[in-house]
C-alpha atoms as a PDB file:
ATOM      1  CA  UNK A   1       0.089  -0.008  -0.171  1.00  0.00           C
ATOM      2  CA  UNK A   2       2.884   2.468   0.928  1.00  0.00           C
ATOM      3  CA  UNK A   3       4.635   1.589  -2.412  1.00  0.00           C
ATOM      4  CA  UNK A   4       1.443   2.217  -4.346  1.00  0.00           C
ATOM      5  CA  UNK A   5       0.995   5.529  -2.671  1.00  0.00           C
ATOM      6  CA  UNK A   6       4.514   6.648  -3.309  1.00  0.00           C
ATOM      7  CA  UNK A   7       4.195   5.562  -6.845  1.00  0.00           C
ATOM      8  CA  UNK A   8       0.976   7.839  -7.356  1.00  0.00           C
ATOM      9  CA  UNK A   9       2.665  10.681  -5.678  1.00  0.00           C
ATOM     10  CA  UNK A  10       5.619  10.787  -7.803  1.00  0.00           C
ATOM     11  CA  UNK A  11       5.786  13.493 -10.214  1.00  0.00           C
ATOM     12  CA  UNK A  12       5.053  13.010 -13.771  1.00  0.00           C
ATOM     13  CA  UNK A  13       8.228  12.578 -15.859  1.00  0.00           C
ATOM     14  CA  UNK A  14       8.498  14.340 -19.165  1.00  0.00           C
ATOM     15  CA  UNK A  15      10.324  13.335 -22.114  1.00  0.00           C
ATOM     16  CA  UNK A  16      10.946  15.012 -25.573  1.00  0.00           C
ATOM     17  CA  UNK A  17       8.489  14.021 -28.473  1.00  0.00           C
ATOM     18  CA  UNK A  18       9.991  12.175 -31.419  1.00  0.00           C
ATOM     19  CA  UNK A  19      11.715  14.691 -33.670  1.00  0.00           C
ATOM     20  CA  UNK A  20      13.180  14.087 -36.948  1.00  0.00           C
ATOM     21  CA  UNK A  21      16.714  15.210 -37.648  1.00  0.00           C
ATOM     22  CA  UNK A  22      15.584  16.599 -41.058  1.00  0.00           C
ATOM     23  CA  UNK A  23      13.242  19.039 -39.631  1.00  0.00           C
ATOM     24  CA  UNK A  24      15.553  20.411 -36.967  1.00  0.00           C
ATOM     25  CA  UNK A  25      12.688  21.465 -34.733  1.00  0.00           C
ATOM     26  CA  UNK A  26      13.073  22.552 -31.034  1.00  0.00           C
ATOM     27  CA  UNK A  27      12.128  19.704 -28.368  1.00  0.00           C
ATOM     28  CA  UNK A  28       8.691  20.050 -27.070  1.00  0.00           C
ATOM     29  CA  UNK A  29       8.064  18.563 -23.717  1.00  0.00           C
ATOM     30  CA  UNK A  30       5.425  16.042 -23.626  1.00  0.00           C
ATOM     31  CA  UNK A  31       4.381  13.565 -21.016  1.00  0.00           C
ATOM     32  CA  UNK A  32       5.503   9.987 -21.194  1.00  0.00           C
ATOM     33  CA  UNK A  33       2.309   8.632 -22.068  1.00  0.00           C
ATOM     34  CA  UNK A  34       1.539  11.156 -24.843  1.00  0.00           C
ATOM     35  CA  UNK A  35       5.022  10.251 -26.375  1.00  0.00           C
ATOM     36  CA  UNK A  36       4.269   6.501 -26.189  1.00  0.00           C
ATOM     37  CA  UNK A  37       0.691   7.149 -27.769  1.00  0.00           C
ATOM     38  CA  UNK A  38       2.462   9.193 -30.686  1.00  0.00           C
ATOM     39  CA  UNK A  39       5.049   6.369 -31.121  1.00  0.00           C
ATOM     40  CA  UNK A  40       2.185   3.893 -31.628  1.00  0.00           C
ATOM     41  CA  UNK A  41       1.325   2.720 -35.226  1.00  0.00           C
ATOM     42  CA  UNK A  42      -1.602   4.624 -36.773  1.00  0.00           C
ATOM     43  CA  UNK A  43      -4.960   3.049 -37.026  1.00  0.00           C
ATOM     44  CA  UNK A  44      -6.323   1.414 -40.367  1.00  0.00           C
ATOM     45  CA  UNK A  45      -8.699   4.167 -41.158  1.00  0.00           C
ATOM     46  CA  UNK A  46      -6.068   7.022 -40.899  1.00  0.00           C
ATOM     47  CA  UNK A  47      -2.713   7.781 -42.467  1.00  0.00           C
ATOM     48  CA  UNK A  48       0.026  10.231 -42.234  1.00  0.00           C
ATOM     49  CA  UNK A  49      -1.436  12.500 -44.996  1.00  0.00           C
ATOM     50  CA  UNK A  50      -4.903  12.522 -43.545  1.00  0.00           C
ATOM     51  CA  UNK A  51      -3.485  13.619 -40.251  1.00  0.00           C
ATOM     52  CA  UNK A  52      -1.649  16.454 -41.769  1.00  0.00           C
ATOM     53  CA  UNK A  53      -4.821  17.203 -43.847  1.00  0.00           C
ATOM     54  CA  UNK A  54      -2.832  16.992 -47.193  1.00  0.00           C
ATOM     55  CA  UNK A  55      -2.506  14.580 -50.086  1.00  0.00           C
ATOM     56  CA  UNK A  56       0.672  12.880 -51.623  1.00  0.00           C
ATOM     57  CA  UNK A  57       0.626  15.295 -54.539  1.00  0.00           C
ATOM     58  CA  UNK A  58       0.959  18.418 -52.572  1.00  0.00           C
ATOM     59  CA  UNK A  59       4.290  20.574 -52.808  1.00  0.00           C
ATOM     60  CA  UNK A  60       6.637  20.387 -49.967  1.00  0.00           C
ATOM     61  CA  UNK A  61       5.602  24.025 -49.114  1.00  0.00           C
ATOM     62  CA  UNK A  62       1.904  22.888 -48.567  1.00  0.00           C
ATOM     63  CA  UNK A  63       2.972  20.218 -46.477  1.00  0.00           C
ATOM     64  CA  UNK A  64       5.113  22.491 -44.188  1.00  0.00           C
ATOM     65  CA  UNK A  65       2.182  24.982 -43.936  1.00  0.00           C
ATOM     66  CA  UNK A  66      -0.290  22.295 -43.084  1.00  0.00           C
ATOM     67  CA  UNK A  67       2.060  20.903 -40.384  1.00  0.00           C
ATOM     68  CA  UNK A  68       2.762  24.420 -38.795  1.00  0.00           C
ATOM     69  CA  UNK A  69      -0.991  25.192 -38.953  1.00  0.00           C
ATOM     70  CA  UNK A  70      -2.153  21.864 -37.465  1.00  0.00           C
ATOM     71  CA  UNK A  71       0.619  22.068 -34.679  1.00  0.00           C
ATOM     72  CA  UNK A  72      -0.259  25.662 -33.743  1.00  0.00           C
ATOM     73  CA  UNK A  73      -3.995  24.421 -33.370  1.00  0.00           C
ATOM     74  CA  UNK A  74      -2.785  21.409 -31.084  1.00  0.00           C
ATOM     75  CA  UNK A  75      -0.662  23.833 -29.001  1.00  0.00           C
ATOM     76  CA  UNK A  76      -3.387  26.236 -28.457  1.00  0.00           C
ATOM     77  CA  UNK A  77      -5.898  23.429 -27.484  1.00  0.00           C
ATOM     78  CA  UNK A  78      -3.655  21.443 -25.467  1.00  0.00           C
ATOM     79  CA  UNK A  79      -4.109  18.244 -27.416  1.00  0.00           C
ATOM     80  CA  UNK A  80      -0.673  16.617 -26.410  1.00  0.00           C
ATOM     81  CA  UNK A  81      -1.980  13.100 -28.091  1.00  0.00           C
ATOM     82  CA  UNK A  82      -2.659  14.575 -31.355  1.00  0.00           C
ATOM     83  CA  UNK A  83       0.595  16.873 -31.093  1.00  0.00           C
ATOM     84  CA  UNK A  84       2.601  13.542 -30.787  1.00  0.00           C
ATOM     85  CA  UNK A  85       0.752  11.741 -33.554  1.00  0.00           C
ATOM     86  CA  UNK A  86       1.167  14.890 -35.755  1.00  0.00           C
ATOM     87  CA  UNK A  87       5.068  14.975 -35.135  1.00  0.00           C
ATOM     88  CA  UNK A  88       5.184  11.224 -36.119  1.00  0.00           C
ATOM     89  CA  UNK A  89       3.065  11.774 -39.182  1.00  0.00           C
ATOM     90  CA  UNK A  90       5.137  14.707 -40.401  1.00  0.00           C
ATOM     91  CA  UNK A  91       8.399  12.735 -40.067  1.00  0.00           C
ATOM     92  CA  UNK A  92       6.770   9.852 -41.791  1.00  0.00           C
ATOM     93  CA  UNK A  93       5.895  11.980 -44.776  1.00  0.00           C
ATOM     94  CA  UNK A  94       9.244  13.625 -45.063  1.00  0.00           C
ATOM     95  CA  UNK A  95      11.025  10.327 -44.965  1.00  0.00           C
ATOM     96  CA  UNK A  96       8.639   8.970 -47.650  1.00  0.00           C
ATOM     97  CA  UNK A  97       9.267  12.078 -49.825  1.00  0.00           C
ATOM     98  CA  UNK A  98      13.027  11.449 -49.452  1.00  0.00           C
ATOM     99  CA  UNK A  99      12.863   7.900 -50.547  1.00  0.00           C
ATOM    100  CA  UNK A 100      10.652   9.038 -53.615  1.00  0.00           C
ATOM    101  CA  UNK A 101      13.199  11.725 -54.667  1.00  0.00           C
ATOM    102  CA  UNK A 102      16.052   9.232 -54.615  1.00  0.00           C
ATOM    103  CA  UNK A 103      14.271   6.956 -56.810  1.00  0.00           C
ATOM    104  CA  UNK A 104      13.523  10.103 -59.200  1.00  0.00           C
ATOM    105  CA  UNK A 105       9.761  10.537 -58.604  1.00  0.00           C
ATOM    106  CA  UNK A 106       7.929  12.463 -56.050  1.00  0.00           C
ATOM    107  CA  UNK A 107       4.836  10.045 -55.904  1.00  0.00           C
ATOM    108  CA  UNK A 108       3.830   7.591 -58.429  1.00  0.00           C
ATOM    109  CA  UNK A 109       4.537   8.666 -61.815  1.00  0.00           C
ATOM    110  CA  UNK A 110       4.978  12.287 -60.998  1.00  0.00           C
ATOM    111  CA  UNK A 111       8.670  12.932 -62.220  1.00  0.00           C
ATOM    112  CA  UNK A 112      11.020  15.279 -60.501  1.00  0.00           C
ATOM    113  CA  UNK A 113      12.002  18.194 -62.429  1.00  0.00           C
ATOM    114  CA  UNK A 114      15.135  18.074 -64.584  1.00  0.00           C
ATOM    115  CA  UNK A 115      16.695  21.111 -62.891  1.00  0.00           C
ATOM    116  CA  UNK A 116      16.846  18.958 -59.793  1.00  0.00           C
ATOM    117  CA  UNK A 117      17.396  15.650 -61.166  1.00  0.00           C
ATOM    118  CA  UNK A 118      20.275  16.756 -63.547  1.00  0.00           C
ATOM    119  CA  UNK A 119      21.649  19.477 -61.726  1.00  0.00           C
ATOM    120  CA  UNK A 120      24.964  18.756 -63.003  1.00  0.00           C
ATOM    121  CA  UNK A 121      23.927  19.848 -66.493  1.00  0.00           C
ATOM    122  CA  UNK A 122      22.852  23.209 -65.373  1.00  0.00           C
ATOM    123  CA  UNK A 123      24.652  26.374 -66.608  1.00  0.00           C
ATOM    124  CA  UNK A 124      27.465  27.740 -64.565  1.00  0.00           C
ATOM    125  CA  UNK A 125      25.983  31.091 -64.400  1.00  0.00           C
ATOM    126  CA  UNK A 126      22.362  30.821 -63.029  1.00  0.00           C
ATOM    127  CA  UNK A 127      21.083  33.977 -64.473  1.00  0.00           C
ATOM    128  CA  UNK A 128      22.603  33.096 -67.924  1.00  0.00           C
ATOM    129  CA  UNK A 129      20.328  32.507 -70.917  1.00  0.00           C
ATOM    130  CA  UNK A 130      19.103  28.797 -71.302  1.00  0.00           C
ATOM    131  CA  UNK A 131      18.033  27.131 -74.593  1.00  0.00           C
ATOM    132  CA  UNK A 132      14.189  27.592 -75.183  1.00  0.00           C
ATOM    133  CA  UNK A 133      12.815  27.624 -78.566  1.00  0.00           C
ATOM    134  CA  UNK A 134       9.803  29.532 -79.200  1.00  0.00           C
ATOM    135  CA  UNK A 135       6.679  28.492 -81.352  1.00  0.00           C
ATOM    136  CA  UNK A 136       6.920  29.079 -85.175  1.00  0.00           C
ATOM    137  CA  UNK A 137       4.349  31.975 -84.910  1.00  0.00           C
ATOM    138  CA  UNK A 138       6.374  33.760 -82.022  1.00  0.00           C
ATOM    139  CA  UNK A 139       9.641  33.367 -84.171  1.00  0.00           C
ATOM    140  CA  UNK A 140       8.012  34.994 -86.966  1.00  0.00           C
ATOM    141  CA  UNK A 141       6.768  37.934 -84.836  1.00  0.00           C
ATOM    142  CA  UNK A 142      10.082  38.505 -83.627  1.00  0.00           C
ATOM    143  CA  UNK A 143      11.782  38.268 -87.061  1.00  0.00           C
ATOM    144  CA  UNK A 144       9.093  40.879 -88.193  1.00  0.00           C
ATOM    145  CA  UNK A 145       9.936  43.375 -85.193  1.00  0.00           C
ATOM    146  CA  UNK A 146      13.681  43.081 -86.105  1.00  0.00           C
ATOM    147  CA  UNK A 147      13.200  43.454 -89.854  1.00  0.00           C
ATOM    148  CA  UNK A 148      10.858  46.466 -89.379  1.00  0.00           C
ATOM    149  CA  UNK A 149      13.349  48.260 -87.104  1.00  0.00           C
ATOM    150  CA  UNK A 150      16.082  47.617 -89.533  1.00  0.00           C
ATOM    151  CA  UNK A 151      14.202  48.846 -92.467  1.00  0.00           C
ATOM    152  CA  UNK A 152      13.218  51.855 -90.472  1.00  0.00           C
ATOM    153  CA  UNK A 153      16.593  52.812 -89.667  1.00  0.00           C
ATOM    154  CA  UNK A 154      17.958  52.277 -93.181  1.00  0.00           C
ATOM    155  CA  UNK A 155      15.186  54.741 -94.601  1.00  0.00           C
ATOM    156  CA  UNK A 156      15.643  57.372 -92.009  1.00  0.00           C
ATOM    157  CA  UNK A 157      19.377  57.258 -92.040  1.00  0.00           C
ATOM    158  CA  UNK A 158      20.758  59.113 -89.010  1.00  0.00           C
ATOM    159  CA  UNK A 159      17.923  58.353 -86.236  1.00  0.00           C
ATOM    160  CA  UNK A 160      19.988  58.732 -83.298  1.00  0.00           C
ATOM    161  CA  UNK A 161      19.216  55.934 -80.481  1.00  0.00           C
ATOM    162  CA  UNK A 162      15.199  56.140 -80.647  1.00  0.00           C
ATOM    163  CA  UNK A 163      14.846  52.955 -82.826  1.00  0.00           C
ATOM    164  CA  UNK A 164      17.251  51.014 -80.274  1.00  0.00           C
ATOM    165  CA  UNK A 165      14.875  52.310 -77.686  1.00  0.00           C
ATOM    166  CA  UNK A 166      11.717  51.206 -79.292  1.00  0.00           C
ATOM    167  CA  UNK A 167      13.254  47.786 -80.038  1.00  0.00           C
ATOM    168  CA  UNK A 168      14.312  47.223 -76.449  1.00  0.00           C
ATOM    169  CA  UNK A 169      10.742  48.106 -75.206  1.00  0.00           C
ATOM    170  CA  UNK A 170       9.255  45.701 -77.830  1.00  0.00           C
ATOM    171  CA  UNK A 171      11.429  42.674 -77.082  1.00  0.00           C
ATOM    172  CA  UNK A 172      11.355  43.418 -73.574  1.00  0.00           C
ATOM    173  CA  UNK A 173       7.385  42.726 -73.603  1.00  0.00           C
ATOM    174  CA  UNK A 174       8.008  39.454 -75.786  1.00  0.00           C
ATOM    175  CA  UNK A 175      10.862  38.083 -73.579  1.00  0.00           C
ATOM    176  CA  UNK A 176       8.644  38.915 -70.671  1.00  0.00           C
ATOM    177  CA  UNK A 177       5.552  37.024 -71.940  1.00  0.00           C
ATOM    178  CA  UNK A 178       7.878  34.145 -72.874  1.00  0.00           C
ATOM    179  CA  UNK A 179       9.178  33.620 -69.250  1.00  0.00           C
ATOM    180  CA  UNK A 180       5.697  33.926 -67.877  1.00  0.00           C
ATOM    181  CA  UNK A 181       4.528  31.209 -70.262  1.00  0.00           C
ATOM    182  CA  UNK A 182       7.728  28.914 -69.839  1.00  0.00           C
ATOM    183  CA  UNK A 183       7.660  29.093 -66.229  1.00  0.00           C
ATOM    184  CA  UNK A 184       7.039  25.790 -64.431  1.00  0.00           C
ATOM    185  CA  UNK A 185       3.588  25.440 -62.781  1.00  0.00           C
ATOM    186  CA  UNK A 186       3.809  26.223 -59.037  1.00  0.00           C
ATOM    187  CA  UNK A 187       1.115  25.029 -56.524  1.00  0.00           C
ATOM    188  CA  UNK A 188      -0.128  28.363 -54.975  1.00  0.00           C
ATOM    189  CA  UNK A 189       0.657  28.876 -51.304  1.00  0.00           C
ATOM    190  CA  UNK A 190      -2.101  30.952 -49.547  1.00  0.00           C
ATOM    191  CA  UNK A 191      -0.911  32.855 -46.073  1.00  0.00           C
ATOM    192  CA  UNK A 192      -3.142  33.390 -43.433  1.00  0.00           C
ATOM    193  CA  UNK A 193      -4.653  36.466 -45.076  1.00  0.00           C
ATOM    194  CA  UNK A 194      -5.723  34.415 -48.156  1.00  0.00           C
ATOM    195  CA  UNK A 195      -3.037  35.798 -50.523  1.00  0.00           C
ATOM    196  CA  UNK A 196      -0.891  33.982 -52.415  1.00  0.00           C
ATOM    197  CA  UNK A 197       2.782  34.036 -51.321  1.00  0.00           C
ATOM    198  CA  UNK A 198       5.814  34.742 -53.677  1.00  0.00           C
ATOM    199  CA  UNK A 199       3.693  36.113 -56.755  1.00  0.00           C
ATOM    200  CA  UNK A 200       5.294  39.358 -56.347  1.00  0.00           C
ATOM    201  CA  UNK A 201       8.668  37.909 -56.058  1.00  0.00           C
ATOM    202  CA  UNK A 202       8.305  35.781 -59.138  1.00  0.00           C
ATOM    203  CA  UNK A 203       7.082  38.734 -61.241  1.00  0.00           C
ATOM    204  CA  UNK A 204      10.014  40.603 -60.082  1.00  0.00           C
ATOM    205  CA  UNK A 205      12.485  37.779 -60.999  1.00  0.00           C
ATOM    206  CA  UNK A 206      10.857  37.614 -64.576  1.00  0.00           C
ATOM    207  CA  UNK A 207      11.229  41.438 -65.285  1.00  0.00           C
ATOM    208  CA  UNK A 208      14.911  41.305 -63.775  1.00  0.00           C
ATOM    209  CA  UNK A 209      15.632  38.583 -66.214  1.00  0.00           C
ATOM    210  CA  UNK A 210      14.023  40.106 -69.272  1.00  0.00           C
ATOM    211  CA  UNK A 211      15.797  43.396 -68.560  1.00  0.00           C
ATOM    212  CA  UNK A 212      19.255  41.433 -68.167  1.00  0.00           C
ATOM    213  CA  UNK A 213      18.799  39.541 -71.435  1.00  0.00           C
ATOM    214  CA  UNK A 214      17.835  42.938 -73.207  1.00  0.00           C
ATOM    215  CA  UNK A 215      20.833  44.951 -71.727  1.00  0.00           C
ATOM    216  CA  UNK A 216      23.198  41.884 -72.286  1.00  0.00           C
ATOM    217  CA  UNK A 217      22.200  42.032 -76.066  1.00  0.00           C
ATOM    218  CA  UNK A 218      22.733  45.678 -76.372  1.00  0.00           C
ATOM    219  CA  UNK A 219      26.040  45.634 -74.562  1.00  0.00           C
ATOM    220  CA  UNK A 220      27.161  42.840 -76.712  1.00  0.00           C
ATOM    221  CA  UNK A 221      26.328  44.735 -79.926  1.00  0.00           C
ATOM    222  CA  UNK A 222      28.078  47.775 -78.685  1.00  0.00           C
ATOM    223  CA  UNK A 223      31.003  45.870 -77.483  1.00  0.00           C
ATOM    224  CA  UNK A 224      31.378  44.173 -80.987  1.00  0.00           C
ATOM    225  CA  UNK A 225      31.130  47.508 -82.727  1.00  0.00           C
ATOM    226  CA  UNK A 226      33.856  48.901 -80.553  1.00  0.00           C
ATOM    227  CA  UNK A 227      36.208  45.927 -81.103  1.00  0.00           C
ATOM    228  CA  UNK A 228      35.619  46.077 -84.880  1.00  0.00           C
ATOM    229  CA  UNK A 229      36.243  49.620 -85.018  1.00  0.00           C
ATOM    230  CA  UNK A 230      39.564  49.330 -83.053  1.00  0.00           C
ATOM    231  CA  UNK A 231      40.652  46.418 -85.369  1.00  0.00           C
ATOM    232  CA  UNK A 232      39.815  48.564 -88.366  1.00  0.00           C
ATOM    233  CA  UNK A 233      41.843  51.510 -87.032  1.00  0.00           C
ATOM    234  CA  UNK A 234      44.772  49.375 -86.210  1.00  0.00           C
ATOM    235  CA  UNK A 235      44.830  47.526 -89.670  1.00  0.00           C
ATOM    236  CA  UNK A 236      44.077  50.428 -92.010  1.00  0.00           C
ATOM    237  CA  UNK A 237      45.533  53.241 -89.773  1.00  0.00           C
ATOM    238  CA  UNK A 238      42.228  55.178 -90.279  1.00  0.00           C
ATOM    239  CA  UNK A 239      38.483  54.953 -89.683  1.00  0.00           C
ATOM    240  CA  UNK A 240      36.096  54.453 -92.473  1.00  0.00           C
ATOM    241  CA  UNK A 241      33.409  57.002 -92.790  1.00  0.00           C
ATOM    242  CA  UNK A 242      30.521  54.867 -92.748  1.00  0.00           C
ATOM    243  CA  UNK A 243      31.795  52.987 -89.657  1.00  0.00           C
ATOM    244  CA  UNK A 244      32.450  56.151 -87.750  1.00  0.00           C
ATOM    245  CA  UNK A 245      29.183  58.235 -88.966  1.00  0.00           C
ATOM    246  CA  UNK A 246      26.866  55.358 -88.745  1.00  0.00           C
ATOM    247  CA  UNK A 247      27.416  54.086 -85.251  1.00  0.00           C
ATOM    248  CA  UNK A 248      23.827  54.089 -84.191  1.00  0.00           C
ATOM    249  CA  UNK A 249      22.640  52.361 -87.220  1.00  0.00           C
ATOM    250  CA  UNK A 250      25.140  49.575 -87.056  1.00  0.00           C
ATOM    251  CA  UNK A 251      24.650  48.979 -83.127  1.00  0.00           C
ATOM    252  CA  UNK A 252      20.841  48.985 -83.596  1.00  0.00           C
ATOM    253  CA  UNK A 253      21.094  46.748 -86.524  1.00  0.00           C
ATOM    254  CA  UNK A 254      23.292  44.355 -84.534  1.00  0.00           C
ATOM    255  CA  UNK A 255      21.259  44.574 -81.383  1.00  0.00           C
ATOM    256  CA  UNK A 256      17.881  43.678 -83.321  1.00  0.00           C
ATOM    257  CA  UNK A 257      19.604  40.409 -84.569  1.00  0.00           C
ATOM    258  CA  UNK A 258      20.845  39.450 -81.230  1.00  0.00           C
ATOM    259  CA  UNK A 259      17.435  40.095 -79.599  1.00  0.00           C
ATOM    260  CA  UNK A 260      15.571  38.297 -82.074  1.00  0.00           C
ATOM    261  CA  UNK A 261      17.881  35.100 -81.704  1.00  0.00           C
ATOM    262  CA  UNK A 262      17.733  35.470 -77.932  1.00  0.00           C
ATOM    263  CA  UNK A 263      13.582  36.051 -77.785  1.00  0.00           C
ATOM    264  CA  UNK A 264      13.160  33.121 -80.273  1.00  0.00           C
ATOM    265  CA  UNK A 265      15.688  30.451 -79.025  1.00  0.00           C
ATOM    266  CA  UNK A 266      16.520  31.543 -75.343  1.00  0.00           C
ATOM    267  CA  UNK A 267      14.935  32.417 -72.127  1.00  0.00           C
END
């Protein structure tokens, strides 16, 4: 009787819940009985995905968001049994997804992106142009824009840099639209206010990438003109009049060709 009374009066012993090393989450003190309940297998009518309220086809961000939401609700209500079960379910899902990725699939027949599976084949410069051929109609539109600018500067003669400005604006829109179309589909993630997270960041990346391609083509055309001019001066000991007085026309024509190629076959 005394031993039973001493045992009943003993304070409850706390032990940390099961925590995966992958998630690197802080320990949350739970009673031993709750930890034992979480360590038990799930019942037949529920799975790890059902506990988290997700599907196997959801993205990693959605899984993480669902886990945080469920954990916050469990901590507010003080449901320690469900919290331990939630921890085990999240660890199980993460390990399962890791095994799928090692096999080259995320779930079933859904293939991992080539940028992840073949990371060694990616360009050295992440922001460098990547091959991406446009549709035949888009290629024709790009060629028509370049041809119109070249014909315009050939007729006007000395048109300063205005045709080049119009050329940059036109191809900026074309490249921006191509980046939007070729962007891989992303599952929208909604924050607590119902807004889609990351939309502005993705738009800013497309704008900066389009501007980088535009300025890169103009810089390449200007640099090529400068190198050619220096080579002509060194070899002929003089500068031809057509090369000296028609700098804007030559640079604009070269930039139009480069922009047409970039907008049609790269992104």
